[in-house]
Amino acid sequence: RGQPRKFSPAQLYRTSLLALLTPAHSFNLLVALLPENKSWRSFAR
């Protein structure tokens, strides 16, 4: 038991893949650009 997960492992995996599939090659930049990119959020579910 513990805190419920905010995101599923698949969502985190897909979000991590975005660092490879998009011009945002760092997690910090990816997190900063993610709110404005609907297609990226859709890919990451």
ModelCIF file with pLDDT and N, C-alpha, C, O atoms, coordinates in Angstrom:
data_MODEL
#
_entry.id   MODEL 
#
_entity.id                         1 
_entity.type                       polymer 
_entity.pdbx_number_of_molecules   1 
#
_entity_poly.entity_id                      1 
_entity_poly.type                           'polypeptide(L)' 
_entity_poly.nstd_linkage                   no 
_entity_poly.nstd_monomer                   no 
_entity_poly.pdbx_seq_one_letter_code       RGQPRKFSPAQLYRTSLLALLTPAHSFNLLVALLPENKSWRSFAR 
_entity_poly.pdbx_seq_one_letter_code_can   RGQPRKFSPAQLYRTSLLALLTPAHSFNLLVALLPENKSWRSFAR 
_entity_poly.pdbx_strand_id                 A 
#
loop_
_entity_poly_seq.entity_id 
_entity_poly_seq.num 
_entity_poly_seq.mon_id 
_entity_poly_seq.hetero 
1 1  ARG n 
1 2  GLY n 
1 3  GLN n 
1 4  PRO n 
1 5  ARG n 
1 6  LYS n 
1 7  PHE n 
1 8  SER n 
1 9  PRO n 
1 10 ALA n 
1 11 GLN n 
1 12 LEU n 
1 13 TYR n 
1 14 ARG n 
1 15 THR n 
1 16 SER n 
1 17 LEU n 
1 18 LEU n 
1 19 ALA n 
1 20 LEU n 
1 21 LEU n 
1 22 THR n 
1 23 PRO n 
1 24 ALA n 
1 25 HIS n 
1 26 SER n 
1 27 PHE n 
1 28 ASN n 
1 29 LEU n 
1 30 LEU n 
1 31 VAL n 
1 32 ALA n 
1 33 LEU n 
1 34 LEU n 
1 35 PRO n 
1 36 GLU n 
1 37 ASN n 
1 38 LYS n 
1 39 SER n 
1 40 TRP n 
1 41 ARG n 
1 42 SER n 
1 43 PHE n 
1 44 ALA n 
1 45 ARG n 
#
_struct_asym.id          A 
_struct_asym.entity_id   1 
#
loop_
_ma_qa_metric.id 
_ma_qa_metric.mode 
_ma_qa_metric.name 
_ma_qa_metric.software_group_id 
_ma_qa_metric.type 
1 global pLDDT . pLDDT 
2 local  pLDDT . pLDDT 
#
_ma_qa_metric_global.metric_id      1 
_ma_qa_metric_global.metric_value   89.71 
_ma_qa_metric_global.model_id       1 
_ma_qa_metric_global.ordinal_id     1 
#
loop_
_ma_qa_metric_local.label_asym_id 
_ma_qa_metric_local.label_comp_id 
_ma_qa_metric_local.label_seq_id 
_ma_qa_metric_local.metric_id 
_ma_qa_metric_local.metric_value 
_ma_qa_metric_local.model_id 
_ma_qa_metric_local.ordinal_id 
A ARG 1  2 64.00 1 1  
A GLY 2  2 60.00 1 2  
A GLN 3  2 67.00 1 3  
A PRO 4  2 71.00 1 4  
A ARG 5  2 80.00 1 5  
A LYS 6  2 88.00 1 6  
A PHE 7  2 92.00 1 7  
A SER 8  2 92.00 1 8  
A PRO 9  2 94.00 1 9  
A ALA 10 2 94.00 1 10 
A GLN 11 2 95.00 1 11 
A LEU 12 2 95.00 1 12 
A TYR 13 2 95.00 1 13 
A ARG 14 2 95.00 1 14 
A THR 15 2 95.00 1 15 
A SER 16 2 94.00 1 16 
A LEU 17 2 93.00 1 17 
A LEU 18 2 93.00 1 18 
A ALA 19 2 91.00 1 19 
A LEU 20 2 90.00 1 20 
A LEU 21 2 90.00 1 21 
A THR 22 2 89.00 1 22 
A PRO 23 2 89.00 1 23 
A ALA 24 2 89.00 1 24 
A HIS 25 2 85.00 1 25 
A SER 26 2 92.00 1 26 
A PHE 27 2 94.00 1 27 
A ASN 28 2 94.00 1 28 
A LEU 29 2 93.00 1 29 
A LEU 30 2 93.00 1 30 
A VAL 31 2 94.00 1 31 
A ALA 32 2 93.00 1 32 
A LEU 33 2 92.00 1 33 
A LEU 34 2 92.00 1 34 
A PRO 35 2 92.00 1 35 
A GLU 36 2 91.00 1 36 
A ASN 37 2 91.00 1 37 
A LYS 38 2 92.00 1 38 
A SER 39 2 92.00 1 39 
A TRP 40 2 93.00 1 40 
A ARG 41 2 94.00 1 41 
A SER 42 2 93.00 1 42 
A PHE 43 2 94.00 1 43 
A ALA 44 2 94.00 1 44 
A ARG 45 2 94.00 1 45 
#
loop_
_atom_site.group_PDB 
_atom_site.id 
_atom_site.type_symbol 
_atom_site.label_atom_id 
_atom_site.label_alt_id 
_atom_site.label_comp_id 
_atom_site.label_asym_id 
_atom_site.label_entity_id 
_atom_site.label_seq_id 
_atom_site.pdbx_PDB_ins_code 
_atom_site.Cartn_x 
_atom_site.Cartn_y 
_atom_site.Cartn_z 
_atom_site.occupancy 
_atom_site.B_iso_or_equiv 
_atom_site.pdbx_formal_charge 
_atom_site.auth_seq_id 
_atom_site.auth_comp_id 
_atom_site.auth_asym_id 
_atom_site.auth_atom_id 
_atom_site.pdbx_PDB_model_num 
ATOM 1   N N  . ARG A 1 1  ? 0.852  -1.175 0.000   1.00 64.00 ? 1  ARG A N  1 
ATOM 2   C CA . ARG A 1 1  ? 0.000  0.000  0.000   1.00 64.00 ? 1  ARG A CA 1 
ATOM 3   C C  . ARG A 1 1  ? 0.890  1.228  0.000   1.00 64.00 ? 1  ARG A C  1 
ATOM 4   O O  . ARG A 1 1  ? 2.039  1.188  0.441   1.00 64.00 ? 1  ARG A O  1 
ATOM 5   N N  . GLY A 1 2  ? 0.352  2.286  -0.489  1.00 60.00 ? 2  GLY A N  1 
ATOM 6   C CA . GLY A 1 2  ? 1.097  3.535  -0.543  1.00 60.00 ? 2  GLY A CA 1 
ATOM 7   C C  . GLY A 1 2  ? 0.295  4.544  -1.329  1.00 60.00 ? 2  GLY A C  1 
ATOM 8   O O  . GLY A 1 2  ? -0.910 4.395  -1.532  1.00 60.00 ? 2  GLY A O  1 
ATOM 9   N N  . GLN A 1 3  ? 0.980  5.559  -1.758  1.00 67.00 ? 3  GLN A N  1 
ATOM 10  C CA . GLN A 1 3  ? 0.302  6.578  -2.542  1.00 67.00 ? 3  GLN A CA 1 
ATOM 11  C C  . GLN A 1 3  ? -0.106 6.003  -3.891  1.00 67.00 ? 3  GLN A C  1 
ATOM 12  O O  . GLN A 1 3  ? 0.655  5.262  -4.513  1.00 67.00 ? 3  GLN A O  1 
ATOM 13  N N  . PRO A 1 4  ? -1.299 6.343  -4.337  1.00 71.00 ? 4  PRO A N  1 
ATOM 14  C CA . PRO A 1 4  ? -1.681 5.902  -5.683  1.00 71.00 ? 4  PRO A CA 1 
ATOM 15  C C  . PRO A 1 4  ? -0.827 6.624  -6.717  1.00 71.00 ? 4  PRO A C  1 
ATOM 16  O O  . PRO A 1 4  ? -0.421 7.770  -6.521  1.00 71.00 ? 4  PRO A O  1 
ATOM 17  N N  . ARG A 1 5  ? -0.570 5.948  -7.793  1.00 80.00 ? 5  ARG A N  1 
ATOM 18  C CA . ARG A 1 5  ? 0.249  6.536  -8.852  1.00 80.00 ? 5  ARG A CA 1 
ATOM 19  C C  . ARG A 1 5  ? -0.537 7.620  -9.579  1.00 80.00 ? 5  ARG A C  1 
ATOM 20  O O  . ARG A 1 5  ? -1.732 7.474  -9.840  1.00 80.00 ? 5  ARG A O  1 
ATOM 21  N N  . LYS A 1 6  ? 0.146  8.695  -9.896  1.00 88.00 ? 6  LYS A N  1 
ATOM 22  C CA . LYS A 1 6  ? -0.488 9.765  -10.660 1.00 88.00 ? 6  LYS A CA 1 
ATOM 23  C C  . LYS A 1 6  ? -0.536 9.408  -12.136 1.00 88.00 ? 6  LYS A C  1 
ATOM 24  O O  . LYS A 1 6  ? -1.453 9.806  -12.854 1.00 88.00 ? 6  LYS A O  1 
ATOM 25  N N  . PHE A 1 7  ? 0.473  8.643  -12.587 1.00 92.00 ? 7  PHE A N  1 
ATOM 26  C CA . PHE A 1 7  ? 0.572  8.270  -13.995 1.00 92.00 ? 7  PHE A CA 1 
ATOM 27  C C  . PHE A 1 7  ? 0.912  6.790  -14.093 1.00 92.00 ? 7  PHE A C  1 
ATOM 28  O O  . PHE A 1 7  ? 1.650  6.254  -13.267 1.00 92.00 ? 7  PHE A O  1 
ATOM 29  N N  . SER A 1 8  ? 0.369  6.141  -15.104 1.00 92.00 ? 8  SER A N  1 
ATOM 30  C CA . SER A 1 8  ? 0.668  4.729  -15.312 1.00 92.00 ? 8  SER A CA 1 
ATOM 31  C C  . SER A 1 8  ? 2.075  4.587  -15.894 1.00 92.00 ? 8  SER A C  1 
ATOM 32  O O  . SER A 1 8  ? 2.597  5.536  -16.478 1.00 92.00 ? 8  SER A O  1 
ATOM 33  N N  . PRO A 1 9  ? 2.696  3.411  -15.743 1.00 94.00 ? 9  PRO A N  1 
ATOM 34  C CA . PRO A 1 9  ? 4.004  3.201  -16.359 1.00 94.00 ? 9  PRO A CA 1 
ATOM 35  C C  . PRO A 1 9  ? 3.985  3.418  -17.869 1.00 94.00 ? 9  PRO A C  1 
ATOM 36  O O  . PRO A 1 9  ? 4.965  3.909  -18.430 1.00 94.00 ? 9  PRO A O  1 
ATOM 37  N N  . ALA A 1 10 ? 2.894  3.063  -18.531 1.00 94.00 ? 10 ALA A N  1 
ATOM 38  C CA . ALA A 1 10 ? 2.803  3.266  -19.976 1.00 94.00 ? 10 ALA A CA 1 
ATOM 39  C C  . ALA A 1 10 ? 2.806  4.753  -20.323 1.00 94.00 ? 10 ALA A C  1 
ATOM 40  O O  . ALA A 1 10 ? 3.415  5.161  -21.312 1.00 94.00 ? 10 ALA A O  1 
ATOM 41  N N  . GLN A 1 11 ? 2.129  5.560  -19.514 1.00 95.00 ? 11 GLN A N  1 
ATOM 42  C CA . GLN A 1 11 ? 2.133  7.004  -19.753 1.00 95.00 ? 11 GLN A CA 1 
ATOM 43  C C  . GLN A 1 11 ? 3.539  7.576  -19.578 1.00 95.00 ? 11 GLN A C  1 
ATOM 44  O O  . GLN A 1 11 ? 3.976  8.412  -20.369 1.00 95.00 ? 11 GLN A O  1 
ATOM 45  N N  . LEU A 1 12 ? 4.237  7.128  -18.550 1.00 95.00 ? 12 LEU A N  1 
ATOM 46  C CA . LEU A 1 12 ? 5.598  7.613  -18.312 1.00 95.00 ? 12 LEU A CA 1 
ATOM 47  C C  . LEU A 1 12 ? 6.549  7.127  -19.406 1.00 95.00 ? 12 LEU A C  1 
ATOM 48  O O  . LEU A 1 12 ? 7.452  7.860  -19.808 1.00 95.00 ? 12 LEU A O  1 
ATOM 49  N N  . TYR A 1 13 ? 6.356  5.905  -19.888 1.00 95.00 ? 13 TYR A N  1 
ATOM 50  C CA . TYR A 1 13 ? 7.173  5.374  -20.977 1.00 95.00 ? 13 TYR A CA 1 
ATOM 51  C C  . TYR A 1 13 ? 6.951  6.194  -22.250 1.00 95.00 ? 13 TYR A C  1 
ATOM 52  O O  . TYR A 1 13 ? 7.905  6.581  -22.924 1.00 95.00 ? 13 TYR A O  1 
ATOM 53  N N  . ARG A 1 14 ? 5.695  6.452  -22.565 1.00 95.00 ? 14 ARG A N  1 
ATOM 54  C CA . ARG A 1 14 ? 5.378  7.246  -23.756 1.00 95.00 ? 14 ARG A CA 1 
ATOM 55  C C  . ARG A 1 14 ? 5.927  8.673  -23.629 1.00 95.00 ? 14 ARG A C  1 
ATOM 56  O O  . ARG A 1 14 ? 6.434  9.229  -24.603 1.00 95.00 ? 14 ARG A O  1 
ATOM 57  N N  . THR A 1 15 ? 5.828  9.259  -22.443 1.00 95.00 ? 15 THR A N  1 
ATOM 58  C CA . THR A 1 15 ? 6.375  10.600 -22.237 1.00 95.00 ? 15 THR A CA 1 
ATOM 59  C C  . THR A 1 15 ? 7.888  10.590 -22.383 1.00 95.00 ? 15 THR A C  1 
ATOM 60  O O  . THR A 1 15 ? 8.464  11.522 -22.945 1.00 95.00 ? 15 THR A O  1 
ATOM 61  N N  . SER A 1 16 ? 8.532  9.552  -21.885 1.00 94.00 ? 16 SER A N  1 
ATOM 62  C CA . SER A 1 16 ? 9.981  9.422  -22.053 1.00 94.00 ? 16 SER A CA 1 
ATOM 63  C C  . SER A 1 16 ? 10.359 9.272  -23.521 1.00 94.00 ? 16 SER A C  1 
ATOM 64  O O  . SER A 1 16 ? 11.385 9.793  -23.959 1.00 94.00 ? 16 SER A O  1 
ATOM 65  N N  . LEU A 1 17 ? 9.534  8.563  -24.278 1.00 93.00 ? 17 LEU A N  1 
ATOM 66  C CA . LEU A 1 17 ? 9.797  8.410  -25.709 1.00 93.00 ? 17 LEU A CA 1 
ATOM 67  C C  . LEU A 1 17 ? 9.741  9.741  -26.447 1.00 93.00 ? 17 LEU A C  1 
ATOM 68  O O  . LEU A 1 17 ? 10.417 9.929  -27.458 1.00 93.00 ? 17 LEU A O  1 
ATOM 69  N N  . LEU A 1 18 ? 8.939  10.654 -25.939 1.00 93.00 ? 18 LEU A N  1 
ATOM 70  C CA . LEU A 1 18 ? 8.841  11.958 -26.591 1.00 93.00 ? 18 LEU A CA 1 
ATOM 71  C C  . LEU A 1 18 ? 10.188 12.694 -26.607 1.00 93.00 ? 18 LEU A C  1 
ATOM 72  O O  . LEU A 1 18 ? 10.445 13.500 -27.502 1.00 93.00 ? 18 LEU A O  1 
ATOM 73  N N  . ALA A 1 19 ? 11.037 12.419 -25.627 1.00 91.00 ? 19 ALA A N  1 
ATOM 74  C CA . ALA A 1 19 ? 12.369 13.031 -25.625 1.00 91.00 ? 19 ALA A CA 1 
ATOM 75  C C  . ALA A 1 19 ? 13.205 12.532 -26.796 1.00 91.00 ? 19 ALA A C  1 
ATOM 76  O O  . ALA A 1 19 ? 14.149 13.204 -27.213 1.00 91.00 ? 19 ALA A O  1 
ATOM 77  N N  . LEU A 1 20 ? 12.871 11.366 -27.327 1.00 90.00 ? 20 LEU A N  1 
ATOM 78  C CA . LEU A 1 20 ? 13.580 10.816 -28.488 1.00 90.00 ? 20 LEU A CA 1 
ATOM 79  C C  . LEU A 1 20 ? 12.908 11.175 -29.805 1.00 90.00 ? 20 LEU A C  1 
ATOM 80  O O  . LEU A 1 20 ? 13.574 11.315 -30.830 1.00 90.00 ? 20 LEU A O  1 
ATOM 81  N N  . LEU A 1 21 ? 11.601 11.321 -29.776 1.00 90.00 ? 21 LEU A N  1 
ATOM 82  C CA . LEU A 1 21 ? 10.829 11.503 -31.005 1.00 90.00 ? 21 LEU A CA 1 
ATOM 83  C C  . LEU A 1 21 ? 10.543 12.955 -31.350 1.00 90.00 ? 21 LEU A C  1 
ATOM 84  O O  . LEU A 1 21 ? 9.999  13.245 -32.415 1.00 90.00 ? 21 LEU A O  1 
ATOM 85  N N  . THR A 1 22 ? 10.901 13.857 -30.471 1.00 89.00 ? 22 THR A N  1 
ATOM 86  C CA . THR A 1 22 ? 10.627 15.279 -30.707 1.00 89.00 ? 22 THR A CA 1 
ATOM 87  C C  . THR A 1 22 ? 11.933 16.072 -30.579 1.00 89.00 ? 22 THR A C  1 
ATOM 88  O O  . THR A 1 22 ? 12.947 15.538 -30.130 1.00 89.00 ? 22 THR A O  1 
ATOM 89  N N  . PRO A 1 23 ? 11.902 17.321 -30.968 1.00 89.00 ? 23 PRO A N  1 
ATOM 90  C CA . PRO A 1 23 ? 13.112 18.149 -30.803 1.00 89.00 ? 23 PRO A CA 1 
ATOM 91  C C  . PRO A 1 23 ? 13.458 18.466 -29.349 1.00 89.00 ? 23 PRO A C  1 
ATOM 92  O O  . PRO A 1 23 ? 14.548 18.974 -29.085 1.00 89.00 ? 23 PRO A O  1 
ATOM 93  N N  . ALA A 1 24 ? 12.585 18.188 -28.419 1.00 89.00 ? 24 ALA A N  1 
ATOM 94  C CA . ALA A 1 24 ? 12.868 18.416 -26.995 1.00 89.00 ? 24 ALA A CA 1 
ATOM 95  C C  . ALA A 1 24 ? 13.638 17.214 -26.460 1.00 89.00 ? 24 ALA A C  1 
ATOM 96  O O  . ALA A 1 24 ? 13.040 16.206 -26.086 1.00 89.00 ? 24 ALA A O  1 
ATOM 97  N N  . HIS A 1 25 ? 14.950 17.321 -26.423 1.00 85.00 ? 25 HIS A N  1 
ATOM 98  C CA . HIS A 1 25 ? 15.781 16.169 -26.077 1.00 85.00 ? 25 HIS A CA 1 
ATOM 99  C C  . HIS A 1 25 ? 16.156 16.078 -24.605 1.00 85.00 ? 25 HIS A C  1 
ATOM 100 O O  . HIS A 1 25 ? 16.955 15.220 -24.230 1.00 85.00 ? 25 HIS A O  1 
ATOM 101 N N  . SER A 1 26 ? 15.607 16.933 -23.774 1.00 92.00 ? 26 SER A N  1 
ATOM 102 C CA . SER A 1 26 ? 15.827 16.804 -22.334 1.00 92.00 ? 26 SER A CA 1 
ATOM 103 C C  . SER A 1 26 ? 14.463 16.765 -21.652 1.00 92.00 ? 26 SER A C  1 
ATOM 104 O O  . SER A 1 26 ? 13.480 17.301 -22.162 1.00 92.00 ? 26 SER A O  1 
ATOM 105 N N  . PHE A 1 27 ? 14.427 16.120 -20.492 1.00 94.00 ? 27 PHE A N  1 
ATOM 106 C CA . PHE A 1 27 ? 13.162 16.028 -19.767 1.00 94.00 ? 27 PHE A CA 1 
ATOM 107 C C  . PHE A 1 27 ? 12.683 17.407 -19.308 1.00 94.00 ? 27 PHE A C  1 
ATOM 108 O O  . PHE A 1 27 ? 11.481 17.673 -19.310 1.00 94.00 ? 27 PHE A O  1 
ATOM 109 N N  . ASN A 1 28 ? 13.599 18.275 -18.918 1.00 94.00 ? 28 ASN A N  1 
ATOM 110 C CA . ASN A 1 28 ? 13.205 19.611 -18.477 1.00 94.00 ? 28 ASN A CA 1 
ATOM 111 C C  . ASN A 1 28 ? 12.534 20.389 -19.610 1.00 94.00 ? 28 ASN A C  1 
ATOM 112 O O  . ASN A 1 28 ? 11.496 21.020 -19.408 1.00 94.00 ? 28 ASN A O  1 
ATOM 113 N N  . LEU A 1 29 ? 13.128 20.341 -20.793 1.00 93.00 ? 29 LEU A N  1 
ATOM 114 C CA . LEU A 1 29 ? 12.539 21.041 -21.940 1.00 93.00 ? 29 LEU A CA 1 
ATOM 115 C C  . LEU A 1 29 ? 11.224 20.384 -22.349 1.00 93.00 ? 29 LEU A C  1 
ATOM 116 O O  . LEU A 1 29 ? 10.268 21.078 -22.693 1.00 93.00 ? 29 LEU A O  1 
ATOM 117 N N  . LEU A 1 30 ? 11.170 19.071 -22.315 1.00 93.00 ? 30 LEU A N  1 
ATOM 118 C CA . LEU A 1 30 ? 9.949  18.354 -22.665 1.00 93.00 ? 30 LEU A CA 1 
ATOM 119 C C  . LEU A 1 30 ? 8.795  18.752 -21.742 1.00 93.00 ? 30 LEU A C  1 
ATOM 120 O O  . LEU A 1 30 ? 7.686  19.019 -22.204 1.00 93.00 ? 30 LEU A O  1 
ATOM 121 N N  . VAL A 1 31 ? 9.063  18.788 -20.449 1.00 94.00 ? 31 VAL A N  1 
ATOM 122 C CA . VAL A 1 31 ? 8.033  19.158 -19.478 1.00 94.00 ? 31 VAL A CA 1 
ATOM 123 C C  . VAL A 1 31 ? 7.576  20.606 -19.694 1.00 94.00 ? 31 VAL A C  1 
ATOM 124 O O  . VAL A 1 31 ? 6.401  20.922 -19.511 1.00 94.00 ? 31 VAL A O  1 
ATOM 125 N N  . ALA A 1 32 ? 8.499  21.474 -20.078 1.00 93.00 ? 32 ALA A N  1 
ATOM 126 C CA . ALA A 1 32 ? 8.130  22.873 -20.325 1.00 93.00 ? 32 ALA A CA 1 
ATOM 127 C C  . ALA A 1 32 ? 7.264  23.019 -21.574 1.00 93.00 ? 32 ALA A C  1 
ATOM 128 O O  . ALA A 1 32 ? 6.380  23.875 -21.614 1.00 93.00 ? 32 ALA A O  1 
ATOM 129 N N  . LEU A 1 33 ? 7.509  22.189 -22.598 1.00 92.00 ? 33 LEU A N  1 
ATOM 130 C CA . LEU A 1 33 ? 6.774  22.311 -23.860 1.00 92.00 ? 33 LEU A CA 1 
ATOM 131 C C  . LEU A 1 33 ? 5.506  21.456 -23.922 1.00 92.00 ? 33 LEU A C  1 
ATOM 132 O O  . LEU A 1 33 ? 4.643  21.683 -24.770 1.00 92.00 ? 33 LEU A O  1 
ATOM 133 N N  . LEU A 1 34 ? 5.395  20.495 -23.042 1.00 92.00 ? 34 LEU A N  1 
ATOM 134 C CA . LEU A 1 34 ? 4.272  19.557 -23.087 1.00 92.00 ? 34 LEU A CA 1 
ATOM 135 C C  . LEU A 1 34 ? 2.894  20.204 -22.967 1.00 92.00 ? 34 LEU A C  1 
ATOM 136 O O  . LEU A 1 34 ? 1.990  19.783 -23.688 1.00 92.00 ? 34 LEU A O  1 
ATOM 137 N N  . PRO A 1 35 ? 2.674  21.195 -22.111 1.00 92.00 ? 35 PRO A N  1 
ATOM 138 C CA . PRO A 1 35 ? 1.332  21.787 -22.028 1.00 92.00 ? 35 PRO A CA 1 
ATOM 139 C C  . PRO A 1 35 ? 0.852  22.440 -23.318 1.00 92.00 ? 35 PRO A C  1 
ATOM 140 O O  . PRO A 1 35 ? -0.351 22.476 -23.575 1.00 92.00 ? 35 PRO A O  1 
ATOM 141 N N  . GLU A 1 36 ? 1.764  22.956 -24.133 1.00 91.00 ? 36 GLU A N  1 
ATOM 142 C CA . GLU A 1 36 ? 1.370  23.636 -25.367 1.00 91.00 ? 36 GLU A CA 1 
ATOM 143 C C  . GLU A 1 36 ? 1.215  22.708 -26.566 1.00 91.00 ? 36 GLU A C  1 
ATOM 144 O O  . GLU A 1 36 ? 0.668  23.117 -27.590 1.00 91.00 ? 36 GLU A O  1 
ATOM 145 N N  . ASN A 1 37 ? 1.685  21.467 -26.461 1.00 91.00 ? 37 ASN A N  1 
ATOM 146 C CA . ASN A 1 37 ? 1.645  20.539 -27.593 1.00 91.00 ? 37 ASN A CA 1 
ATOM 147 C C  . ASN A 1 37 ? 0.610  19.443 -27.355 1.00 91.00 ? 37 ASN A C  1 
ATOM 148 O O  . ASN A 1 37 ? 0.880  18.442 -26.691 1.00 91.00 ? 37 ASN A O  1 
ATOM 149 N N  . LYS A 1 38 ? -0.560 19.655 -27.904 1.00 92.00 ? 38 LYS A N  1 
ATOM 150 C CA . LYS A 1 38 ? -1.662 18.711 -27.712 1.00 92.00 ? 38 LYS A CA 1 
ATOM 151 C C  . LYS A 1 38 ? -1.347 17.342 -28.310 1.00 92.00 ? 38 LYS A C  1 
ATOM 152 O O  . LYS A 1 38 ? -1.711 16.321 -27.727 1.00 92.00 ? 38 LYS A O  1 
ATOM 153 N N  . SER A 1 39 ? -0.676 17.302 -29.467 1.00 92.00 ? 39 SER A N  1 
ATOM 154 C CA . SER A 1 39 ? -0.362 16.022 -30.093 1.00 92.00 ? 39 SER A CA 1 
ATOM 155 C C  . SER A 1 39 ? 0.630  15.224 -29.251 1.00 92.00 ? 39 SER A C  1 
ATOM 156 O O  . SER A 1 39 ? 0.565  13.995 -29.216 1.00 92.00 ? 39 SER A O  1 
ATOM 157 N N  . TRP A 1 40 ? 1.545  15.915 -28.575 1.00 93.00 ? 40 TRP A N  1 
ATOM 158 C CA . TRP A 1 40 ? 2.485  15.226 -27.701 1.00 93.00 ? 40 TRP A CA 1 
ATOM 159 C C  . TRP A 1 40 ? 1.752  14.645 -26.499 1.00 93.00 ? 40 TRP A C  1 
ATOM 160 O O  . TRP A 1 40 ? 2.002  13.504 -26.110 1.00 93.00 ? 40 TRP A O  1 
ATOM 161 N N  . ARG A 1 41 ? 0.851  15.423 -25.910 1.00 94.00 ? 41 ARG A N  1 
ATOM 162 C CA . ARG A 1 41 ? 0.076  14.922 -24.767 1.00 94.00 ? 41 ARG A CA 1 
ATOM 163 C C  . ARG A 1 41 ? -0.821 13.764 -25.188 1.00 94.00 ? 41 ARG A C  1 
ATOM 164 O O  . ARG A 1 41 ? -1.003 12.806 -24.436 1.00 94.00 ? 41 ARG A O  1 
ATOM 165 N N  . SER A 1 42 ? -1.375 13.852 -26.378 1.00 93.00 ? 42 SER A N  1 
ATOM 166 C CA . SER A 1 42 ? -2.223 12.777 -26.879 1.00 93.00 ? 42 SER A CA 1 
ATOM 167 C C  . SER A 1 42 ? -1.409 11.494 -27.064 1.00 93.00 ? 42 SER A C  1 
ATOM 168 O O  . SER A 1 42 ? -1.878 10.407 -26.728 1.00 93.00 ? 42 SER A O  1 
ATOM 169 N N  . PHE A 1 43 ? -0.198 11.619 -27.596 1.00 94.00 ? 43 PHE A N  1 
ATOM 170 C CA . PHE A 1 43 ? 0.676  10.457 -27.766 1.00 94.00 ? 43 PHE A CA 1 
ATOM 171 C C  . PHE A 1 43 ? 1.000  9.827  -26.412 1.00 94.00 ? 43 PHE A C  1 
ATOM 172 O O  . PHE A 1 43 ? 1.018  8.604  -26.279 1.00 94.00 ? 43 PHE A O  1 
ATOM 173 N N  . ALA A 1 44 ? 1.253  10.665 -25.415 1.00 94.00 ? 44 ALA A N  1 
ATOM 174 C CA . ALA A 1 44 ? 1.595  10.172 -24.084 1.00 94.00 ? 44 ALA A CA 1 
ATOM 175 C C  . ALA A 1 44 ? 0.368  9.773  -23.272 1.00 94.00 ? 44 ALA A C  1 
ATOM 176 O O  . ALA A 1 44 ? 0.494  9.308  -22.139 1.00 94.00 ? 44 ALA A O  1 
ATOM 177 N N  . ARG A 1 45 ? -0.818 9.952  -23.849 1.00 94.00 ? 45 ARG A N  1 
ATOM 178 C CA . ARG A 1 45 ? -2.089 9.635  -23.192 1.00 94.00 ? 45 ARG A CA 1 
ATOM 179 C C  . ARG A 1 45 ? -2.281 10.432 -21.903 1.00 94.00 ? 45 ARG A C  1 
ATOM 180 O O  . ARG A 1 45 ? -3.301 10.281 -21.231 1.00 94.00 ? 45 ARG A O  1 
#
